[in-house]
Amino acid sequence: MWILILIGGGLLVMILGPISFSGYGDFDPILNSGVQVIITLLLIALWVVILSKIKNWIFKKQITY
């Protein structure tokens, strides 16, 4: 489970790091950070759901034996 969490964090850094917008003057850093935060929160929520499903599947499989 920890390995999956670390992989997810690494993927977030690799995917979201290069995202940047330009042409909005002084709002560029705020816009970049805001978009990255929104995308990160959505991906974290999705990752938690996926890990929860995997955990439930593993424990359900162990109980039936």
Foldseek 3Di string as FASTA:
>chain_A
DVVLVVVLVVVLCVVLVVDFDDDPPPCGVVVSVVVSVVVVVVSVVVSVVVVVVVVVVVVVVVVVD
